[in-house]
Amino acid sequence: MTMEANLIPGTSSAETTDYYSEFRDKKVLITGAAGVLGGWMADAFARHGARLVLCDRRVDALADAVSKGRWPNGTTLIHQTELRDQSSMDSLVAMVQAQWGAPDILINNAGVYPHAPLLDVELDDWKAIIDVNLTAPFYLIKRMARLMISRGVAGAMVNILSGASVMVSPTGVPYSVSKAALAMLTRGAALELAGTGIRVNGLSPGFAPGSEVSALDDDYVASMVRSIPLGRTSGPMDSPEAVLFLCSSRASFMTGALIAVDGGKTAGPVTR
Protein backbone atom coordinates (compact mmCIF):
# COMPACT_ATOMS: atom_id res chain seq x y z
CA MET A 1 0.00 0.00 0.00
CA THR A 2 1.51 3.32 -1.07
CA MET A 3 1.72 6.17 1.40
CA GLU A 4 1.62 8.86 -1.29
CA ALA A 5 -2.15 9.38 -0.97
CA ASN A 6 -1.72 10.35 2.66
CA LEU A 7 1.02 12.92 2.38
CA ILE A 8 0.94 16.03 4.51
CA PRO A 9 1.40 19.07 2.24
CA GLY A 10 5.04 20.09 2.15
CA THR A 11 6.46 16.75 3.31
CA SER A 12 8.13 13.92 1.48
CA SER A 13 6.95 10.32 1.47
CA ALA A 14 9.85 9.31 3.71
CA GLU A 15 9.06 12.01 6.26
CA THR A 16 5.40 11.00 6.38
CA THR A 17 6.28 7.32 6.76
CA ASP A 18 8.56 8.09 9.71
CA TYR A 19 5.91 10.27 11.29
CA TYR A 20 3.16 7.67 11.16
CA SER A 21 5.28 4.65 12.03
CA GLU A 22 4.81 5.35 15.73
CA PHE A 23 1.18 4.20 15.47
CA ARG A 24 2.15 0.65 14.51
CA ASP A 25 0.63 -1.71 17.09
CA LYS A 26 -0.79 1.17 19.10
CA LYS A 27 -4.12 0.16 20.63
CA VAL A 28 -6.87 2.59 19.63
CA LEU A 29 -10.47 2.67 20.88
CA ILE A 30 -12.95 4.68 18.79
CA THR A 31 -16.61 5.14 19.73
CA GLY A 32 -19.21 5.82 17.06
CA ALA A 33 -16.99 4.03 14.55
CA ALA A 34 -19.85 3.15 12.19
CA GLY A 35 -20.37 6.84 11.42
CA VAL A 36 -18.59 8.68 8.66
CA LEU A 37 -16.04 10.50 10.83
CA GLY A 38 -15.49 7.48 13.07
CA GLY A 39 -14.81 5.35 10.01
CA TRP A 40 -12.41 7.91 8.58
CA MET A 41 -10.44 8.00 11.82
CA ALA A 42 -10.34 4.21 11.96
CA ASP A 43 -9.04 4.22 8.38
CA ALA A 44 -6.31 6.69 9.31
CA PHE A 45 -5.03 4.66 12.26
CA ALA A 46 -5.35 1.34 10.41
CA ARG A 47 -3.28 2.64 7.49
CA HIS A 48 -0.39 3.01 9.88
CA GLY A 49 -0.63 -0.34 11.61
CA ALA A 50 -2.70 0.48 14.69
CA ARG A 51 -4.81 -2.15 16.42
CA LEU A 52 -8.43 -1.11 16.73
CA VAL A 53 -11.41 -1.58 19.00
CA LEU A 54 -14.35 -0.09 17.14
CA CYS A 55 -17.66 0.29 18.90
CA ASP A 56 -21.10 1.44 17.86
CA ARG A 57 -24.73 0.47 18.28
CA ARG A 58 -24.67 -0.48 14.59
CA VAL A 59 -22.33 -3.41 15.06
CA ASP A 60 -23.52 -5.06 11.83
CA ALA A 61 -22.10 -2.16 9.84
CA LEU A 62 -18.76 -2.58 11.58
CA ALA A 63 -18.73 -6.35 11.02
CA ASP A 64 -19.58 -5.86 7.35
CA ALA A 65 -16.73 -3.38 6.90
CA VAL A 66 -14.25 -5.75 8.53
CA SER A 67 -15.46 -8.68 6.42
CA LYS A 68 -14.94 -6.60 3.27
CA GLY A 69 -11.39 -5.73 4.28
CA ARG A 70 -11.81 -2.07 5.20
CA TRP A 71 -10.01 -2.73 8.48
CA PRO A 72 -7.67 -5.68 9.19
CA ASN A 73 -9.58 -8.66 10.50
CA GLY A 74 -6.74 -9.90 12.67
CA THR A 75 -6.12 -6.67 14.55
CA THR A 76 -9.62 -5.15 14.68
CA LEU A 77 -12.10 -5.88 17.45
CA ILE A 78 -15.69 -4.70 17.34
CA HIS A 79 -18.17 -4.18 20.15
CA GLN A 80 -21.86 -3.36 20.12
CA THR A 81 -21.99 -0.53 22.63
CA GLU A 82 -25.03 1.34 23.87
CA LEU A 83 -23.55 4.46 25.40
CA ARG A 84 -26.67 5.17 27.46
CA ASP A 85 -26.27 1.86 29.28
CA GLN A 86 -23.54 1.57 31.91
CA SER A 87 -23.51 -2.24 31.71
CA SER A 88 -22.84 -2.01 27.97
CA MET A 89 -19.94 0.37 28.57
CA ASP A 90 -18.66 -1.90 31.33
CA SER A 91 -18.70 -4.76 28.82
CA LEU A 92 -16.61 -2.65 26.44
CA VAL A 93 -14.12 -1.84 29.20
CA ALA A 94 -13.89 -5.52 30.15
CA MET A 95 -13.17 -6.50 26.54
CA VAL A 96 -10.44 -3.87 26.21
CA GLN A 97 -8.87 -5.00 29.47
CA ALA A 98 -9.02 -8.68 28.55
CA GLN A 99 -7.62 -8.18 25.05
CA TRP A 100 -5.14 -5.36 25.59
CA GLY A 101 -4.75 -4.62 29.26
CA ALA A 102 -5.16 -0.94 28.43
CA PRO A 103 -5.55 1.23 25.34
CA ASP A 104 -2.94 3.68 24.13
CA ILE A 105 -5.50 6.01 22.58
CA LEU A 106 -9.18 6.77 23.27
CA ILE A 107 -11.28 8.69 20.76
CA ASN A 108 -14.68 9.74 22.14
CA ASN A 109 -16.37 10.29 18.81
CA ALA A 110 -19.96 9.07 19.19
CA GLY A 111 -22.63 11.72 19.36
CA VAL A 112 -26.32 12.31 18.77
CA TYR A 113 -27.74 15.57 17.44
CA PRO A 114 -31.53 15.61 17.14
CA HIS A 115 -32.81 19.11 16.43
CA ALA A 116 -35.99 20.65 17.81
CA PRO A 117 -37.11 23.98 19.25
CA LEU A 118 -36.07 24.16 22.89
CA LEU A 119 -39.66 24.36 24.13
CA ASP A 120 -40.48 21.16 22.27
CA VAL A 121 -37.59 19.11 23.65
CA GLU A 122 -38.85 16.37 25.94
CA LEU A 123 -36.89 15.49 29.07
CA ASP A 124 -36.10 12.01 27.71
CA ASP A 125 -34.65 13.57 24.55
CA TRP A 126 -32.54 15.95 26.64
CA LYS A 127 -31.26 13.07 28.74
CA ALA A 128 -30.40 11.02 25.65
CA ILE A 129 -28.26 13.83 24.23
CA ILE A 130 -26.46 14.46 27.52
CA ASP A 131 -25.98 10.73 28.18
CA VAL A 132 -24.34 10.02 24.82
CA ASN A 133 -22.48 13.27 24.20
CA LEU A 134 -21.24 14.01 27.72
CA THR A 135 -21.81 11.28 30.31
CA ALA A 136 -20.42 8.46 28.14
CA PRO A 137 -17.17 10.32 27.38
CA PHE A 138 -16.79 11.09 31.11
CA TYR A 139 -17.27 7.44 32.02
CA LEU A 140 -14.93 6.11 29.34
CA ILE A 141 -12.24 8.67 30.20
CA LYS A 142 -12.48 7.57 33.81
CA ARG A 143 -12.41 3.82 33.14
CA MET A 144 -9.79 3.88 30.39
CA ALA A 145 -7.55 6.24 32.34
CA ARG A 146 -7.56 3.83 35.26
CA LEU A 147 -6.50 0.99 32.94
CA MET A 148 -3.79 3.15 31.39
CA ILE A 149 -2.44 4.28 34.74
CA SER A 150 -2.36 0.70 36.06
CA ARG A 151 -0.26 -0.33 33.05
CA GLY A 152 1.94 2.76 32.98
CA VAL A 153 0.56 3.88 29.61
CA ALA A 154 1.17 7.56 28.92
CA GLY A 155 -1.40 7.69 26.16
CA ALA A 156 -3.67 10.19 24.47
CA MET A 157 -7.38 10.93 24.42
CA VAL A 158 -9.30 13.05 21.94
CA ASN A 159 -12.87 14.18 22.47
CA ILE A 160 -14.74 15.06 19.30
CA LEU A 161 -16.41 18.40 19.89
CA SER A 162 -18.34 20.60 17.48
CA GLY A 163 -18.57 24.16 16.30
CA ALA A 164 -21.87 24.04 18.16
CA SER A 165 -19.88 24.24 21.39
CA VAL A 166 -19.18 27.90 20.63
CA MET A 167 -21.99 28.77 18.17
CA VAL A 168 -25.51 27.94 19.27
CA SER A 169 -28.31 27.81 16.72
CA PRO A 170 -32.09 27.67 17.02
CA THR A 171 -33.33 24.06 17.37
CA GLY A 172 -29.85 22.94 18.44
CA VAL A 173 -29.62 24.13 22.04
CA PRO A 174 -29.34 20.72 23.79
CA TYR A 175 -26.61 19.62 21.38
CA SER A 176 -24.67 22.85 21.90
CA VAL A 177 -24.96 22.52 25.67
CA SER A 178 -23.63 18.95 25.56
CA LYS A 179 -20.66 19.88 23.38
CA ALA A 180 -19.79 23.00 25.36
CA ALA A 181 -19.78 20.89 28.52
CA LEU A 182 -17.62 18.27 26.76
CA ALA A 183 -15.11 21.00 25.98
CA MET A 184 -14.85 21.81 29.69
CA LEU A 185 -14.62 18.11 30.54
CA THR A 186 -11.72 17.92 28.09
CA ARG A 187 -9.85 20.70 29.84
CA GLY A 188 -10.64 19.39 33.31
CA ALA A 189 -9.54 15.86 32.47
CA ALA A 190 -6.36 17.24 30.88
CA LEU A 191 -5.49 19.03 34.10
CA GLU A 192 -6.23 16.09 36.37
CA LEU A 193 -4.45 13.51 34.20
CA ALA A 194 -1.40 15.60 33.29
CA GLY A 195 0.65 14.09 36.07
CA THR A 196 0.04 10.59 34.71
CA GLY A 197 1.34 11.43 31.24
CA ILE A 198 -2.10 10.99 29.68
CA ARG A 199 -2.94 13.89 27.36
CA VAL A 200 -6.54 14.95 26.64
CA ASN A 201 -7.45 17.26 23.78
CA GLY A 202 -10.59 18.22 21.88
CA LEU A 203 -11.22 18.59 18.16
CA SER A 204 -14.15 20.20 16.37
CA PRO A 205 -14.53 18.73 12.88
CA GLY A 206 -15.90 20.57 9.88
CA PHE A 207 -19.14 19.97 8.02
CA ALA A 208 -19.17 16.70 6.08
CA PRO A 209 -22.36 15.90 4.14
CA GLY A 210 -22.14 12.19 4.84
CA SER A 211 -22.01 12.73 8.60
CA GLU A 212 -25.77 13.15 8.88
CA VAL A 213 -27.90 10.06 9.44
CA SER A 214 -30.42 11.31 6.92
CA ALA A 215 -29.51 12.40 3.42
CA LEU A 216 -28.93 16.11 2.90
CA ASP A 217 -30.32 17.82 -0.16
CA ASP A 218 -28.01 19.64 -2.55
CA ASP A 219 -29.37 23.08 -1.69
CA TYR A 220 -28.60 22.61 2.00
CA VAL A 221 -25.07 21.38 1.27
CA ALA A 222 -24.50 24.33 -1.08
CA SER A 223 -25.69 26.78 1.58
CA MET A 224 -23.32 25.23 4.11
CA VAL A 225 -20.40 25.49 1.70
CA ARG A 226 -21.15 29.21 1.23
CA SER A 227 -20.88 29.67 5.01
CA ILE A 228 -17.40 28.08 5.20
CA PRO A 229 -14.55 30.55 4.58
CA LEU A 230 -12.39 27.98 2.77
CA GLY A 231 -15.33 27.18 0.51
CA ARG A 232 -15.62 23.41 0.77
CA THR A 233 -16.88 20.62 2.98
CA SER A 234 -14.67 18.46 5.18
CA GLY A 235 -13.11 15.40 3.58
CA PRO A 236 -11.72 12.08 4.82
CA MET A 237 -8.23 13.41 5.47
CA ASP A 238 -9.02 16.68 7.28
CA SER A 239 -10.04 15.86 10.85
CA PRO A 240 -8.38 12.41 10.91
CA GLU A 241 -4.99 14.00 10.11
CA ALA A 242 -5.46 16.38 13.02
CA VAL A 243 -6.44 13.52 15.32
CA LEU A 244 -3.32 11.60 14.32
CA PHE A 245 -1.25 14.66 15.15
CA LEU A 246 -2.88 15.12 18.55
CA CYS A 247 -2.23 11.48 19.41
CA SER A 248 1.37 11.54 18.18
CA SER A 249 4.65 12.42 19.84
CA ARG A 250 4.69 15.66 17.83
CA ALA A 251 1.90 16.90 20.10
CA SER A 252 3.61 15.74 23.29
CA PHE A 253 3.34 19.24 24.80
CA MET A 254 -0.34 19.63 23.98
CA THR A 255 -3.05 18.83 26.48
CA GLY A 256 -6.29 20.65 27.22
CA ALA A 257 -6.23 22.14 23.72
CA LEU A 258 -9.45 22.68 21.78
CA ILE A 259 -8.85 22.95 18.04
CA ALA A 260 -11.16 23.38 15.07
CA VAL A 261 -10.65 21.76 11.68
CA ASP A 262 -13.66 23.40 10.09
CA GLY A 263 -12.44 25.52 7.21
CA GLY A 264 -12.78 28.66 9.31
CA LYS A 265 -16.48 28.18 10.05
CA THR A 266 -16.24 29.14 13.72
CA ALA A 267 -13.69 31.92 13.13
CA GLY A 268 -16.37 34.33 11.90
CA PRO A 269 -18.68 35.12 9.01
CA VAL A 270 -17.67 34.71 5.39
CA THR A 271 -16.68 38.05 3.85
CA ARG A 272 -16.15 37.10 0.22
Foldseek 3Di string as FASTA:
>chain_A
DQCVVQDDPPDDSVVVLVQLLVLAQAEEEEEPCLFDQNVLLQLLSQVNHYAYEYEELPQVSVVVCCVVPSHPPVRYHYANADQLDVVRVVVVLVVCCVVPLAGQEYELEDADFFFDAPVPDDPVNLCSRLSNLPVSVVVCLVSRLVSCLVVLRLHEYEYEAALLCVDPDGRGVSNNVSRVVVLVVQLVSQVVCVVSNYAGEYEHEAADQRRDPDHDDPVVLCVSLQFAQQRHTDDSNQVSVVVSCCGGPVVSVDHSYYYYRHNCNSVDGHDD
